[in-house]
């Protein structure tokens, strides 16, 4: 199993997402230095913290995450870094290794399971409702998802891309990430959109 440096964060990272990071803590400064010198490229794993804090260690971590690749490394002086990263494939942690000095884990790629066709038309209807409410809530300033023609053809990747345009908490975002395949991801995403619609409509009534 490949071993990756791991960066536990307070957010669930979906494939295809941008990840800006400010790195100040010494152990993660060392992680960045090691990543930049790695022969297979500057890559590390990102997992959502289940309980605890991002700084200081001792947190509990989820075991489904994403590989992030460093695209830009701006050194700020004093060992600090401002990183621009892009999320790539989904991974599953097989075993956590000692934090020496930063978190590391043996991981395996976790591609989508299931190859059955997925009907995304219910999702399109829910997204239309959501952005209709958000448009009223923001007086026409709500950004809308890109046209379907600009999204990946693969159903699983398309659902990840659409999820990035749905306002949701990290528990829901992690549920989208951890759904085994497109069918399960579709159900989770529709539930998240329904929750977002309810919240937006409640805010409209409360104005």
N, C-alpha and C. Protein backbone atom coordinates (compact mmCIF):
# COMPACT_ATOMS: atom_id res chain seq x y z
N UNK A 1 0.84 -1.19 0.00
CA UNK A 1 0.00 0.00 0.00
C UNK A 1 0.88 1.25 0.00
N UNK A 2 0.55 2.26 -0.82
CA UNK A 2 1.34 3.49 -0.78
C UNK A 2 1.13 4.23 0.54
N UNK A 3 2.19 4.92 0.96
CA UNK A 3 2.13 5.74 2.16
C UNK A 3 2.10 7.19 1.75
N UNK A 4 1.16 7.96 2.31
CA UNK A 4 1.04 9.37 1.98
C UNK A 4 1.15 10.22 3.24
N UNK A 5 1.79 11.40 3.14
CA UNK A 5 1.61 12.40 4.20
C UNK A 5 0.13 12.77 4.24
N UNK A 6 -0.37 13.02 5.43
CA UNK A 6 -1.80 13.30 5.59
C UNK A 6 -2.00 14.63 6.29
N UNK A 7 -2.99 15.37 5.83
CA UNK A 7 -3.31 16.68 6.39
C UNK A 7 -4.77 16.64 6.85
N UNK A 8 -5.04 16.29 8.11
CA UNK A 8 -6.42 16.34 8.61
C UNK A 8 -6.90 17.79 8.70
N UNK A 9 -8.10 18.03 8.21
CA UNK A 9 -8.66 19.38 8.19
C UNK A 9 -10.08 19.37 8.72
N UNK A 10 -10.57 20.56 8.99
CA UNK A 10 -11.95 20.70 9.45
C UNK A 10 -12.94 20.81 8.31
N UNK A 11 -12.58 20.32 7.15
CA UNK A 11 -13.48 20.36 6.00
C UNK A 11 -13.30 19.08 5.18
N UNK A 12 -14.37 18.64 4.56
CA UNK A 12 -14.31 17.49 3.65
C UNK A 12 -14.01 18.01 2.26
N UNK A 13 -13.01 17.43 1.62
CA UNK A 13 -12.53 17.90 0.32
C UNK A 13 -13.04 16.98 -0.78
N UNK A 14 -13.82 17.54 -1.69
CA UNK A 14 -14.36 16.76 -2.80
C UNK A 14 -13.40 16.78 -3.98
N UNK A 15 -13.28 15.67 -4.71
CA UNK A 15 -12.44 15.66 -5.91
C UNK A 15 -12.79 16.79 -6.86
N UNK A 16 -11.75 17.44 -7.38
CA UNK A 16 -11.93 18.56 -8.29
C UNK A 16 -11.97 19.91 -7.62
N UNK A 17 -12.03 19.94 -6.28
CA UNK A 17 -12.10 21.21 -5.56
C UNK A 17 -10.74 21.87 -5.45
N UNK A 18 -10.74 23.18 -5.37
CA UNK A 18 -9.54 23.94 -5.03
C UNK A 18 -9.36 23.93 -3.52
N UNK A 19 -8.11 23.91 -3.09
CA UNK A 19 -7.81 23.91 -1.66
C UNK A 19 -6.69 24.91 -1.39
N UNK A 20 -7.02 26.13 -0.92
CA UNK A 20 -5.97 27.04 -0.47
C UNK A 20 -5.61 26.70 0.98
N UNK A 21 -4.33 26.71 1.29
CA UNK A 21 -3.87 26.39 2.64
C UNK A 21 -2.79 27.36 3.08
N UNK A 22 -2.90 27.82 4.32
CA UNK A 22 -1.82 28.58 4.95
C UNK A 22 -1.18 27.64 5.97
N UNK A 23 0.11 27.38 5.81
CA UNK A 23 0.81 26.41 6.64
C UNK A 23 1.76 27.15 7.58
N UNK A 24 1.48 27.05 8.87
CA UNK A 24 2.29 27.73 9.88
C UNK A 24 2.92 26.75 10.87
N UNK A 25 2.22 25.67 11.18
CA UNK A 25 2.68 24.75 12.22
C UNK A 25 3.94 24.01 11.75
N UNK A 26 4.96 23.90 12.60
CA UNK A 26 6.24 23.31 12.17
C UNK A 26 6.11 21.92 11.55
N UNK A 27 5.27 21.06 12.11
CA UNK A 27 5.21 19.70 11.54
C UNK A 27 4.63 19.70 10.13
N UNK A 28 3.70 20.64 9.87
CA UNK A 28 3.15 20.70 8.51
C UNK A 28 4.07 21.48 7.56
N UNK A 29 4.90 22.35 8.11
CA UNK A 29 5.96 22.94 7.29
C UNK A 29 6.88 21.83 6.77
N UNK A 30 7.19 20.87 7.64
CA UNK A 30 8.04 19.75 7.21
C UNK A 30 7.30 18.88 6.19
N UNK A 31 6.00 18.69 6.39
CA UNK A 31 5.21 17.94 5.41
C UNK A 31 5.32 18.58 4.03
N UNK A 32 5.20 19.90 3.96
CA UNK A 32 5.28 20.59 2.68
C UNK A 32 6.66 20.40 2.06
N UNK A 33 7.71 20.54 2.86
CA UNK A 33 9.07 20.36 2.33
C UNK A 33 9.25 18.96 1.76
N UNK A 34 8.74 17.95 2.49
CA UNK A 34 8.87 16.58 2.01
C UNK A 34 8.05 16.36 0.75
N UNK A 35 6.85 16.94 0.70
CA UNK A 35 6.01 16.79 -0.50
C UNK A 35 6.69 17.40 -1.71
N UNK A 36 7.27 18.58 -1.55
CA UNK A 36 7.88 19.26 -2.68
C UNK A 36 9.11 18.50 -3.19
N UNK A 37 9.71 17.68 -2.32
CA UNK A 37 10.89 16.90 -2.74
C UNK A 37 10.53 15.48 -3.17
N UNK A 38 9.26 15.10 -3.08
CA UNK A 38 8.87 13.72 -3.38
C UNK A 38 9.02 13.42 -4.87
N UNK A 39 9.55 12.23 -5.22
CA UNK A 39 9.76 11.91 -6.63
C UNK A 39 8.48 11.77 -7.45
N UNK A 40 7.36 11.41 -6.79
CA UNK A 40 6.11 11.25 -7.54
C UNK A 40 5.23 12.50 -7.48
N UNK A 41 5.82 13.62 -7.09
CA UNK A 41 5.08 14.88 -7.11
C UNK A 41 4.61 15.32 -5.75
N UNK A 42 4.27 16.61 -5.63
CA UNK A 42 3.86 17.16 -4.33
C UNK A 42 2.41 16.82 -4.00
N UNK A 43 2.21 15.64 -3.42
CA UNK A 43 0.86 15.14 -3.13
C UNK A 43 0.75 14.78 -1.66
N UNK A 44 -0.43 15.00 -1.10
CA UNK A 44 -0.71 14.57 0.27
C UNK A 44 -2.19 14.24 0.37
N UNK A 45 -2.55 13.49 1.41
CA UNK A 45 -3.95 13.13 1.61
C UNK A 45 -4.64 14.12 2.53
N UNK A 46 -5.91 14.35 2.29
CA UNK A 46 -6.73 15.21 3.14
C UNK A 46 -7.91 14.40 3.65
N UNK A 47 -8.10 14.42 4.96
CA UNK A 47 -9.26 13.77 5.57
C UNK A 47 -9.95 14.76 6.50
N UNK A 48 -11.23 14.56 6.69
CA UNK A 48 -12.01 15.38 7.60
C UNK A 48 -11.77 14.93 9.04
N UNK A 49 -11.55 15.90 9.91
CA UNK A 49 -11.43 15.59 11.33
C UNK A 49 -12.82 15.27 11.89
N UNK A 50 -12.94 14.11 12.51
CA UNK A 50 -14.22 13.71 13.09
C UNK A 50 -14.45 14.38 14.43
N UNK A 51 -13.38 14.55 15.19
CA UNK A 51 -13.48 15.17 16.52
C UNK A 51 -12.11 15.70 16.89
N UNK A 52 -12.08 16.89 17.50
CA UNK A 52 -10.81 17.47 17.90
C UNK A 52 -10.51 18.71 17.08
N UNK A 53 -9.23 19.05 16.99
CA UNK A 53 -8.80 20.30 16.37
C UNK A 53 -7.75 20.03 15.31
N UNK A 54 -7.60 21.01 14.40
CA UNK A 54 -6.64 20.87 13.32
C UNK A 54 -5.20 21.00 13.81
N UNK A 55 -4.98 21.74 14.88
CA UNK A 55 -3.63 22.02 15.35
C UNK A 55 -3.41 21.34 16.69
N UNK A 56 -2.24 20.73 16.84
CA UNK A 56 -1.87 20.18 18.14
C UNK A 56 -1.93 18.68 18.22
N UNK A 57 -2.56 18.00 17.28
CA UNK A 57 -2.62 16.54 17.30
C UNK A 57 -3.70 16.03 18.25
N UNK A 58 -3.87 14.71 18.24
CA UNK A 58 -4.83 14.07 19.13
C UNK A 58 -6.25 14.05 18.60
N UNK A 59 -6.46 14.54 17.38
CA UNK A 59 -7.80 14.56 16.83
C UNK A 59 -8.18 13.16 16.31
N UNK A 60 -9.50 12.95 16.19
CA UNK A 60 -9.99 11.72 15.57
C UNK A 60 -10.30 12.02 14.10
N UNK A 61 -9.93 11.11 13.21
CA UNK A 61 -9.99 11.37 11.78
C UNK A 61 -10.88 10.37 11.07
N UNK A 62 -11.59 10.87 10.05
CA UNK A 62 -12.30 9.95 9.16
C UNK A 62 -11.31 9.23 8.27
N UNK A 63 -11.73 8.10 7.72
CA UNK A 63 -10.83 7.25 6.93
C UNK A 63 -11.07 7.33 5.42
N UNK A 64 -12.00 8.16 4.98
CA UNK A 64 -12.19 8.41 3.55
C UNK A 64 -11.74 9.83 3.27
N UNK A 65 -10.88 9.98 2.29
CA UNK A 65 -10.35 11.31 2.00
C UNK A 65 -10.04 11.48 0.53
N UNK A 66 -9.20 12.44 0.25
CA UNK A 66 -8.88 12.83 -1.12
C UNK A 66 -7.40 13.15 -1.22
N UNK A 67 -6.82 12.86 -2.36
CA UNK A 67 -5.44 13.27 -2.62
C UNK A 67 -5.46 14.72 -3.10
N UNK A 68 -4.60 15.54 -2.50
CA UNK A 68 -4.44 16.92 -2.94
C UNK A 68 -3.05 17.09 -3.53
N UNK A 69 -2.98 17.80 -4.65
CA UNK A 69 -1.70 18.08 -5.30
C UNK A 69 -1.39 19.57 -5.17
N UNK A 70 -0.18 19.89 -4.75
CA UNK A 70 0.24 21.28 -4.61
C UNK A 70 0.52 21.84 -6.01
N UNK A 71 -0.19 22.89 -6.38
CA UNK A 71 -0.01 23.54 -7.67
C UNK A 71 0.91 24.76 -7.52
N UNK A 72 0.71 25.52 -6.44
CA UNK A 72 1.51 26.72 -6.18
C UNK A 72 1.96 26.67 -4.74
N UNK A 73 3.26 26.93 -4.52
CA UNK A 73 3.83 27.00 -3.18
C UNK A 73 4.50 28.36 -3.03
N UNK A 74 3.83 29.26 -2.31
CA UNK A 74 4.40 30.58 -2.03
C UNK A 74 5.01 30.57 -0.64
N UNK A 75 6.31 30.73 -0.55
CA UNK A 75 6.98 30.78 0.75
C UNK A 75 6.83 32.17 1.34
N UNK A 76 6.37 32.22 2.59
CA UNK A 76 6.06 33.49 3.24
C UNK A 76 7.16 33.94 4.19
N UNK A 77 8.21 33.12 4.31
CA UNK A 77 9.26 33.43 5.26
C UNK A 77 9.02 32.73 6.58
N UNK A 78 10.11 32.43 7.28
CA UNK A 78 9.98 31.75 8.57
C UNK A 78 9.47 30.33 8.44
N UNK A 79 9.62 29.74 7.25
CA UNK A 79 9.14 28.37 7.04
C UNK A 79 7.67 28.28 6.70
N UNK A 80 6.98 29.41 6.66
CA UNK A 80 5.53 29.38 6.39
C UNK A 80 5.27 29.31 4.89
N UNK A 81 4.11 28.74 4.54
CA UNK A 81 3.76 28.55 3.14
C UNK A 81 2.30 28.95 2.90
N UNK A 82 2.05 29.52 1.74
CA UNK A 82 0.69 29.71 1.24
C UNK A 82 0.56 28.80 0.02
N UNK A 83 -0.27 27.79 0.13
CA UNK A 83 -0.38 26.77 -0.91
C UNK A 83 -1.68 26.93 -1.69
N UNK A 84 -1.60 26.62 -2.97
CA UNK A 84 -2.79 26.43 -3.80
C UNK A 84 -2.75 24.98 -4.26
N UNK A 85 -3.80 24.24 -3.92
CA UNK A 85 -3.84 22.80 -4.22
C UNK A 85 -5.11 22.47 -4.99
N UNK A 86 -5.07 21.33 -5.66
CA UNK A 86 -6.25 20.82 -6.37
C UNK A 86 -6.50 19.40 -5.89
N UNK A 87 -7.76 19.09 -5.59
CA UNK A 87 -8.12 17.75 -5.13
C UNK A 87 -8.22 16.80 -6.31
N UNK A 88 -7.61 15.64 -6.17
CA UNK A 88 -7.61 14.66 -7.24
C UNK A 88 -8.48 13.46 -6.84
N UNK A 89 -7.92 12.24 -6.83
CA UNK A 89 -8.75 11.07 -6.63
C UNK A 89 -9.11 10.84 -5.16
N UNK A 90 -10.17 10.06 -4.97
CA UNK A 90 -10.60 9.67 -3.63
C UNK A 90 -9.75 8.52 -3.13
N UNK A 91 -9.48 8.52 -1.83
CA UNK A 91 -8.69 7.45 -1.21
C UNK A 91 -9.39 6.95 0.05
N UNK A 92 -8.94 5.77 0.46
CA UNK A 92 -9.41 5.19 1.72
C UNK A 92 -8.18 4.84 2.56
N UNK A 93 -8.20 5.23 3.82
CA UNK A 93 -7.08 4.93 4.72
C UNK A 93 -7.17 3.47 5.15
N UNK A 94 -6.07 2.74 4.95
CA UNK A 94 -5.99 1.35 5.40
C UNK A 94 -5.44 1.29 6.81
N UNK A 95 -4.41 2.10 7.07
CA UNK A 95 -3.82 2.10 8.42
C UNK A 95 -3.14 3.45 8.66
N UNK A 96 -3.44 4.02 9.83
CA UNK A 96 -2.74 5.23 10.25
C UNK A 96 -1.39 4.84 10.85
N UNK A 97 -0.36 5.57 10.47
CA UNK A 97 0.98 5.36 10.99
C UNK A 97 1.27 6.40 12.07
N UNK A 98 2.33 6.22 12.84
CA UNK A 98 2.65 7.22 13.88
C UNK A 98 2.87 8.60 13.27
N UNK A 99 2.42 9.64 13.98
CA UNK A 99 2.66 11.02 13.55
C UNK A 99 4.12 11.36 13.83
N UNK A 100 4.98 11.14 12.83
CA UNK A 100 6.41 11.31 13.07
C UNK A 100 7.07 12.03 11.90
N UNK A 101 7.08 13.37 11.88
CA UNK A 101 6.50 14.28 12.88
C UNK A 101 5.07 14.69 12.53
N UNK A 102 4.63 14.37 11.30
CA UNK A 102 3.29 14.75 10.86
C UNK A 102 2.49 13.48 10.56
N UNK A 103 1.16 13.58 10.44
CA UNK A 103 0.35 12.38 10.17
C UNK A 103 0.73 11.72 8.85
N UNK A 104 0.74 10.40 8.86
CA UNK A 104 0.98 9.60 7.66
C UNK A 104 0.04 8.41 7.70
N UNK A 105 -0.24 7.86 6.54
CA UNK A 105 -1.14 6.70 6.50
C UNK A 105 -0.86 5.86 5.26
N UNK A 106 -1.11 4.57 5.40
CA UNK A 106 -1.16 3.70 4.23
C UNK A 106 -2.56 3.83 3.63
N UNK A 107 -2.60 4.12 2.34
CA UNK A 107 -3.89 4.40 1.69
C UNK A 107 -4.02 3.56 0.43
N UNK A 108 -5.24 3.50 -0.06
CA UNK A 108 -5.49 2.88 -1.36
C UNK A 108 -6.48 3.75 -2.12
N UNK A 109 -6.37 3.81 -3.45
CA UNK A 109 -7.37 4.53 -4.24
C UNK A 109 -8.74 3.89 -4.02
N UNK A 110 -9.77 4.71 -4.04
CA UNK A 110 -11.13 4.19 -3.89
C UNK A 110 -12.00 4.74 -5.03
N UNK A 111 -11.92 4.12 -6.19
CA UNK A 111 -12.79 4.55 -7.29
C UNK A 111 -14.24 4.20 -6.99
N UNK A 112 -15.14 4.80 -7.75
CA UNK A 112 -16.57 4.52 -7.56
C UNK A 112 -16.87 3.05 -7.78
N UNK A 113 -17.80 2.53 -6.99
CA UNK A 113 -18.32 1.18 -7.19
C UNK A 113 -19.66 1.28 -7.92
N UNK A 114 -19.99 0.22 -8.66
CA UNK A 114 -21.26 0.19 -9.39
C UNK A 114 -21.13 0.82 -10.76
N UNK A 115 -21.73 0.18 -11.74
CA UNK A 115 -21.63 0.67 -13.10
C UNK A 115 -23.01 0.90 -13.73
N UNK A 116 -24.07 0.83 -12.91
CA UNK A 116 -25.40 0.99 -13.47
C UNK A 116 -25.63 2.45 -13.89
N UNK A 117 -26.51 2.64 -14.85
CA UNK A 117 -26.83 3.98 -15.33
C UNK A 117 -27.52 4.78 -14.23
N UNK A 118 -27.27 6.07 -14.21
CA UNK A 118 -27.84 6.95 -13.20
C UNK A 118 -28.65 8.04 -13.88
N UNK A 119 -29.90 8.18 -13.49
CA UNK A 119 -30.77 9.22 -14.03
C UNK A 119 -30.59 10.48 -13.18
N UNK A 120 -29.98 11.51 -13.77
CA UNK A 120 -29.70 12.73 -13.02
C UNK A 120 -30.82 13.76 -13.14
N UNK A 121 -31.91 13.42 -13.84
CA UNK A 121 -32.98 14.42 -14.02
C UNK A 121 -33.60 14.86 -12.69
N UNK A 122 -33.81 13.97 -11.67
CA UNK A 122 -34.33 14.48 -10.39
C UNK A 122 -33.39 15.50 -9.76
N UNK A 123 -32.09 15.29 -9.93
CA UNK A 123 -31.12 16.24 -9.37
C UNK A 123 -31.26 17.60 -10.05
N UNK A 124 -31.46 17.59 -11.37
CA UNK A 124 -31.61 18.85 -12.10
C UNK A 124 -32.82 19.62 -11.59
N UNK A 125 -33.92 18.90 -11.30
CA UNK A 125 -35.12 19.55 -10.78
C UNK A 125 -34.84 20.17 -9.41
N UNK A 126 -34.18 19.42 -8.54
CA UNK A 126 -33.88 19.93 -7.20
C UNK A 126 -32.93 21.13 -7.27
N UNK A 127 -31.93 21.07 -8.14
CA UNK A 127 -31.02 22.20 -8.28
C UNK A 127 -31.75 23.44 -8.78
N UNK A 128 -32.69 23.24 -9.70
CA UNK A 128 -33.48 24.37 -10.18
C UNK A 128 -34.26 25.02 -9.05
N UNK A 129 -34.87 24.20 -8.20
CA UNK A 129 -35.61 24.74 -7.05
C UNK A 129 -34.68 25.48 -6.11
N UNK A 130 -33.52 24.88 -5.83
CA UNK A 130 -32.58 25.48 -4.90
C UNK A 130 -32.13 26.85 -5.38
N UNK A 131 -31.72 26.93 -6.65
CA UNK A 131 -31.19 28.20 -7.12
C UNK A 131 -32.29 29.23 -7.37
N UNK A 132 -33.52 28.77 -7.54
CA UNK A 132 -34.63 29.70 -7.57
C UNK A 132 -34.81 30.39 -6.23
N UNK A 133 -34.74 29.60 -5.15
CA UNK A 133 -34.87 30.17 -3.80
C UNK A 133 -33.67 31.04 -3.46
N UNK A 134 -32.46 30.55 -3.79
CA UNK A 134 -31.26 31.33 -3.49
C UNK A 134 -31.24 32.64 -4.26
N UNK A 135 -31.77 32.63 -5.48
CA UNK A 135 -31.81 33.84 -6.27
C UNK A 135 -32.70 34.89 -5.61
N UNK A 136 -33.83 34.43 -5.05
CA UNK A 136 -34.71 35.37 -4.34
C UNK A 136 -34.06 35.84 -3.04
N UNK A 137 -33.37 34.91 -2.37
CA UNK A 137 -32.75 35.25 -1.08
C UNK A 137 -31.63 36.27 -1.25
N UNK A 138 -30.89 36.16 -2.35
CA UNK A 138 -29.74 37.04 -2.58
C UNK A 138 -30.03 38.17 -3.56
N UNK A 139 -31.32 38.29 -3.93
CA UNK A 139 -31.74 39.33 -4.89
C UNK A 139 -30.96 39.25 -6.19
N UNK A 140 -30.85 38.00 -6.69
CA UNK A 140 -30.25 37.78 -8.00
C UNK A 140 -28.75 37.66 -8.02
N UNK A 141 -28.12 37.54 -6.84
CA UNK A 141 -26.65 37.49 -6.80
C UNK A 141 -26.11 36.08 -6.56
N UNK A 142 -26.98 35.08 -6.52
CA UNK A 142 -26.52 33.71 -6.25
C UNK A 142 -25.82 33.14 -7.48
N UNK A 143 -24.59 32.65 -7.32
CA UNK A 143 -23.92 32.01 -8.47
C UNK A 143 -24.57 30.67 -8.77
N UNK A 144 -24.76 30.37 -10.03
CA UNK A 144 -25.41 29.12 -10.41
C UNK A 144 -24.38 28.14 -10.94
N UNK A 145 -24.69 26.83 -10.90
CA UNK A 145 -23.76 25.84 -11.45
C UNK A 145 -23.54 26.05 -12.94
N UNK A 146 -22.42 25.56 -13.45
CA UNK A 146 -22.18 25.68 -14.90
C UNK A 146 -23.14 24.78 -15.67
N UNK A 147 -23.30 25.01 -16.97
CA UNK A 147 -24.15 24.13 -17.78
C UNK A 147 -23.65 22.69 -17.72
N UNK A 148 -24.59 21.76 -17.87
CA UNK A 148 -24.23 20.35 -17.82
C UNK A 148 -23.18 19.98 -18.88
N UNK A 149 -23.19 20.71 -19.99
CA UNK A 149 -22.25 20.41 -21.06
C UNK A 149 -20.81 20.71 -20.66
N UNK A 150 -20.62 21.51 -19.61
CA UNK A 150 -19.27 21.85 -19.15
C UNK A 150 -18.79 20.94 -18.02
N UNK A 151 -19.63 20.00 -17.60
CA UNK A 151 -19.29 19.12 -16.49
C UNK A 151 -18.76 17.79 -17.01
N UNK A 152 -18.06 17.03 -16.16
CA UNK A 152 -17.55 15.72 -16.60
C UNK A 152 -18.66 14.81 -17.08
N UNK A 153 -18.35 13.94 -18.04
CA UNK A 153 -19.35 13.01 -18.57
C UNK A 153 -19.61 11.88 -17.59
N UNK A 154 -18.57 11.43 -16.88
CA UNK A 154 -18.73 10.36 -15.92
C UNK A 154 -19.71 10.80 -14.82
N UNK A 155 -20.69 9.94 -14.51
CA UNK A 155 -21.75 10.33 -13.58
C UNK A 155 -21.20 10.63 -12.19
N UNK A 156 -20.27 9.79 -11.70
CA UNK A 156 -19.73 10.02 -10.37
C UNK A 156 -18.99 11.33 -10.28
N UNK A 157 -18.14 11.62 -11.28
CA UNK A 157 -17.39 12.88 -11.30
C UNK A 157 -18.32 14.07 -11.47
N UNK A 158 -19.39 13.89 -12.26
CA UNK A 158 -20.35 14.98 -12.46
C UNK A 158 -21.05 15.32 -11.15
N UNK A 159 -21.38 14.30 -10.37
CA UNK A 159 -22.04 14.55 -9.09
C UNK A 159 -21.10 15.26 -8.11
N UNK A 160 -19.83 14.87 -8.10
CA UNK A 160 -18.86 15.59 -7.28
C UNK A 160 -18.80 17.06 -7.69
N UNK A 161 -18.78 17.30 -9.02
CA UNK A 161 -18.69 18.68 -9.51
C UNK A 161 -19.92 19.49 -9.10
N UNK A 162 -21.11 18.91 -9.23
CA UNK A 162 -22.33 19.63 -8.86
C UNK A 162 -22.39 19.88 -7.37
N UNK A 163 -21.89 18.93 -6.57
CA UNK A 163 -21.93 19.09 -5.12
C UNK A 163 -21.15 20.32 -4.67
N UNK A 164 -20.15 20.72 -5.45
CA UNK A 164 -19.36 21.89 -5.07
C UNK A 164 -20.18 23.18 -5.15
N UNK A 165 -21.33 23.13 -5.82
CA UNK A 165 -22.17 24.32 -5.97
C UNK A 165 -23.39 24.27 -5.04
N UNK A 166 -23.41 23.33 -4.13
CA UNK A 166 -24.54 23.21 -3.20
C UNK A 166 -24.07 23.63 -1.81
N UNK A 167 -24.72 24.63 -1.19
CA UNK A 167 -24.34 25.01 0.17
C UNK A 167 -24.71 23.89 1.14
N UNK A 168 -23.71 23.36 1.82
CA UNK A 168 -23.95 22.26 2.76
C UNK A 168 -22.87 22.26 3.81
N UNK A 169 -23.16 21.64 4.94
CA UNK A 169 -22.19 21.51 6.00
C UNK A 169 -21.21 20.39 5.71
N UNK A 170 -20.16 20.31 6.53
CA UNK A 170 -19.12 19.32 6.26
C UNK A 170 -19.59 17.89 6.50
N UNK A 171 -20.56 17.68 7.38
CA UNK A 171 -21.09 16.33 7.56
C UNK A 171 -21.77 15.85 6.28
N UNK A 172 -22.55 16.73 5.65
CA UNK A 172 -23.19 16.38 4.38
C UNK A 172 -22.16 16.23 3.28
N UNK A 173 -21.17 17.11 3.27
CA UNK A 173 -20.13 17.02 2.23
C UNK A 173 -19.36 15.71 2.37
N UNK A 174 -19.09 15.31 3.61
CA UNK A 174 -18.40 14.04 3.82
C UNK A 174 -19.28 12.87 3.36
N UNK A 175 -20.58 12.97 3.60
CA UNK A 175 -21.49 11.90 3.15
C UNK A 175 -21.46 11.78 1.63
N UNK A 176 -21.36 12.90 0.92
CA UNK A 176 -21.22 12.87 -0.54
C UNK A 176 -19.92 12.19 -0.92
N UNK A 177 -18.84 12.56 -0.23
CA UNK A 177 -17.53 11.99 -0.53
C UNK A 177 -17.50 10.49 -0.27
N UNK A 178 -18.11 10.05 0.82
CA UNK A 178 -18.02 8.65 1.25
C UNK A 178 -19.06 7.75 0.60
N UNK A 179 -19.99 8.30 -0.19
CA UNK A 179 -20.96 7.45 -0.88
C UNK A 179 -20.20 6.52 -1.84
N UNK A 180 -20.46 5.21 -1.79
CA UNK A 180 -19.65 4.26 -2.56
C UNK A 180 -19.63 4.50 -4.06
N UNK A 181 -20.77 4.91 -4.62
CA UNK A 181 -20.85 5.09 -6.06
C UNK A 181 -21.87 6.13 -6.45
N UNK A 182 -22.10 6.34 -7.75
CA UNK A 182 -22.98 7.41 -8.22
C UNK A 182 -24.42 7.29 -7.72
N UNK A 183 -24.95 6.06 -7.63
CA UNK A 183 -26.35 5.92 -7.19
C UNK A 183 -26.51 6.43 -5.76
N UNK A 184 -25.62 5.99 -4.87
CA UNK A 184 -25.69 6.44 -3.47
C UNK A 184 -25.39 7.93 -3.37
N UNK A 185 -24.44 8.40 -4.17
CA UNK A 185 -24.07 9.82 -4.12
C UNK A 185 -25.24 10.69 -4.55
N UNK A 186 -25.98 10.24 -5.56
CA UNK A 186 -27.14 10.99 -6.02
C UNK A 186 -28.16 11.15 -4.90
N UNK A 187 -28.44 10.06 -4.17
CA UNK A 187 -29.42 10.14 -3.08
C UNK A 187 -28.95 11.10 -1.99
N UNK A 188 -27.67 11.00 -1.62
CA UNK A 188 -27.13 11.88 -0.58
C UNK A 188 -27.20 13.34 -1.03
N UNK A 189 -26.87 13.59 -2.29
CA UNK A 189 -26.85 14.96 -2.78
C UNK A 189 -28.25 15.55 -2.84
N UNK A 190 -29.23 14.75 -3.24
CA UNK A 190 -30.61 15.25 -3.28
C UNK A 190 -31.08 15.58 -1.87
N UNK A 191 -30.73 14.75 -0.89
CA UNK A 191 -31.10 15.05 0.50
C UNK A 191 -30.45 16.35 0.96
N UNK A 192 -29.18 16.56 0.60
CA UNK A 192 -28.48 17.78 0.99
C UNK A 192 -29.12 19.01 0.34
N UNK A 193 -29.52 18.87 -0.93
CA UNK A 193 -30.17 19.98 -1.62
C UNK A 193 -31.51 20.28 -0.97
N UNK A 194 -32.25 19.25 -0.61
CA UNK A 194 -33.55 19.46 0.05
C UNK A 194 -33.37 20.22 1.37
N UNK A 195 -32.33 19.87 2.12
CA UNK A 195 -32.04 20.58 3.37
C UNK A 195 -31.70 22.03 3.09
N UNK A 196 -30.88 22.27 2.04
CA UNK A 196 -30.50 23.64 1.69
C UNK A 196 -31.73 24.45 1.25
N UNK A 197 -32.66 23.81 0.53
CA UNK A 197 -33.89 24.50 0.11
C UNK A 197 -34.71 24.89 1.33
N UNK A 198 -34.89 23.96 2.27
CA UNK A 198 -35.66 24.24 3.48
C UNK A 198 -35.05 25.41 4.25
N UNK A 199 -33.73 25.41 4.38
CA UNK A 199 -33.07 26.48 5.12
C UNK A 199 -33.23 27.82 4.42
N UNK A 200 -33.06 27.83 3.10
CA UNK A 200 -33.20 29.08 2.34
C UNK A 200 -34.64 29.61 2.42
N UNK A 201 -35.62 28.71 2.33
CA UNK A 201 -37.02 29.15 2.41
C UNK A 201 -37.34 29.68 3.80
N UNK A 202 -36.76 29.06 4.82
CA UNK A 202 -36.97 29.56 6.20
C UNK A 202 -36.38 30.96 6.36
N UNK A 203 -35.23 31.20 5.76
CA UNK A 203 -34.62 32.54 5.83
C UNK A 203 -35.46 33.57 5.09
N UNK A 204 -36.07 33.14 3.96
CA UNK A 204 -36.93 34.05 3.23
C UNK A 204 -38.14 34.46 4.08
N UNK A 205 -38.73 33.51 4.79
CA UNK A 205 -39.90 33.81 5.62
C UNK A 205 -39.54 34.69 6.78
N UNK A 206 -38.28 34.60 7.23
CA UNK A 206 -37.86 35.33 8.43
C UNK A 206 -37.40 36.75 8.11
N UNK A 207 -37.44 37.14 6.86
CA UNK A 207 -36.96 38.48 6.49
C UNK A 207 -37.99 39.55 6.82
